[in-house]
């Protein structure tokens, strides 16, 4: 699984892997998260305490998942405000 982080939302349907919710030109980073365990939940954290310029901004996060069965796909998006 890979997390995609960006500053602007969009709705780009028709992508090969599903709906893209993060504006590609605003993409900040792609973070490899590893393999999801058998239980289906993968936890991770991102320390943004030193990212002062991001305070008060909305950070959009969407995952790209490659399951063992079936094709790869984009997940839903979350958009927390950075405090």
Protein backbone atom coordinates (compact mmCIF):
# COMPACT_ATOMS: atom_id res chain seq x y z
CA UNK A 1 0.00 0.00 0.00
CA UNK A 2 1.18 3.52 -0.80
CA UNK A 3 -0.23 6.74 0.70
CA UNK A 4 -0.53 9.80 -1.57
CA UNK A 5 -0.50 13.20 0.18
CA UNK A 6 -1.63 16.44 -1.45
CA UNK A 7 -2.91 19.94 -0.71
CA UNK A 8 -5.82 20.20 -3.18
CA UNK A 9 -8.82 17.98 -3.82
CA UNK A 10 -10.15 17.01 -7.22
CA UNK A 11 -12.45 14.42 -8.74
CA UNK A 12 -10.79 12.71 -11.67
CA UNK A 13 -13.00 9.80 -12.74
CA UNK A 14 -12.01 7.24 -15.31
CA UNK A 15 -8.57 6.60 -13.96
CA UNK A 16 -7.36 3.05 -14.54
CA UNK A 17 -7.51 2.34 -10.79
CA UNK A 18 -10.60 4.29 -9.76
CA UNK A 19 -11.42 7.87 -8.77
CA UNK A 20 -8.44 10.10 -8.03
CA UNK A 21 -9.34 12.59 -5.27
CA UNK A 22 -6.00 14.43 -4.98
CA UNK A 23 -4.99 17.03 -7.55
CA UNK A 24 -1.80 15.50 -9.06
CA UNK A 25 0.00 18.85 -9.29
CA UNK A 26 -0.50 19.40 -5.53
CA UNK A 27 0.87 16.01 -4.56
CA UNK A 28 3.45 16.48 -1.82
CA UNK A 29 4.65 12.98 -1.24
CA UNK A 30 4.07 9.28 -1.75
CA UNK A 31 4.74 7.12 1.29
CA UNK A 32 5.16 3.36 0.98
CA UNK A 33 3.24 1.84 3.91
CA UNK A 34 4.01 -1.83 3.37
CA UNK A 35 1.86 -4.93 3.37
CA UNK A 36 -1.55 -4.98 5.07
CA UNK A 37 -1.65 -7.81 7.65
CA UNK A 38 -4.16 -10.66 7.46
CA UNK A 39 -6.61 -8.83 9.77
CA UNK A 40 -7.04 -6.15 7.11
CA UNK A 41 -5.91 -3.13 9.17
CA UNK A 42 -2.62 -1.30 8.76
CA UNK A 43 -1.74 1.50 11.15
CA UNK A 44 0.81 4.20 10.48
CA UNK A 45 1.62 7.69 11.73
CA UNK A 46 3.07 10.80 10.18
CA UNK A 47 4.83 13.33 12.43
CA UNK A 48 4.06 16.81 11.11
CA UNK A 49 5.13 18.69 14.25
CA UNK A 50 8.04 20.31 12.40
CA UNK A 51 5.95 21.15 9.31
CA UNK A 52 4.97 24.64 10.49
CA UNK A 53 4.03 25.88 6.97
CA UNK A 54 1.30 23.20 6.86
CA UNK A 55 -0.43 24.37 10.07
CA UNK A 56 -4.05 25.29 9.37
CA UNK A 57 -4.02 23.63 5.96
CA UNK A 58 -6.04 20.64 4.83
CA UNK A 59 -3.89 17.62 3.92
CA UNK A 60 -5.63 15.19 1.57
CA UNK A 61 -4.60 11.54 1.92
CA UNK A 62 -5.53 8.72 -0.46
CA UNK A 63 -4.11 5.20 -0.62
CA UNK A 64 -3.18 3.03 -3.57
CA UNK A 65 -3.78 -0.63 -2.72
CA UNK A 66 -2.54 -3.74 -4.54
CA UNK A 67 -4.55 -6.68 -3.13
CA UNK A 68 -3.44 -10.31 -3.41
CA UNK A 69 -6.61 -11.10 -5.34
CA UNK A 70 -8.02 -8.63 -7.84
CA UNK A 71 -6.55 -5.55 -9.41
CA UNK A 72 -4.93 -2.51 -7.82
CA UNK A 73 -7.19 0.37 -6.83
CA UNK A 74 -7.36 3.82 -5.24
CA UNK A 75 -9.18 4.11 -1.90
CA UNK A 76 -11.43 6.83 -0.51
CA UNK A 77 -9.77 10.01 0.72
CA UNK A 78 -9.47 11.63 4.16
CA UNK A 79 -8.76 15.33 4.58
CA UNK A 80 -7.74 16.34 8.12
CA UNK A 81 -6.85 19.92 9.04
CA UNK A 82 -3.27 20.17 10.31
CA UNK A 83 -3.21 21.84 13.73
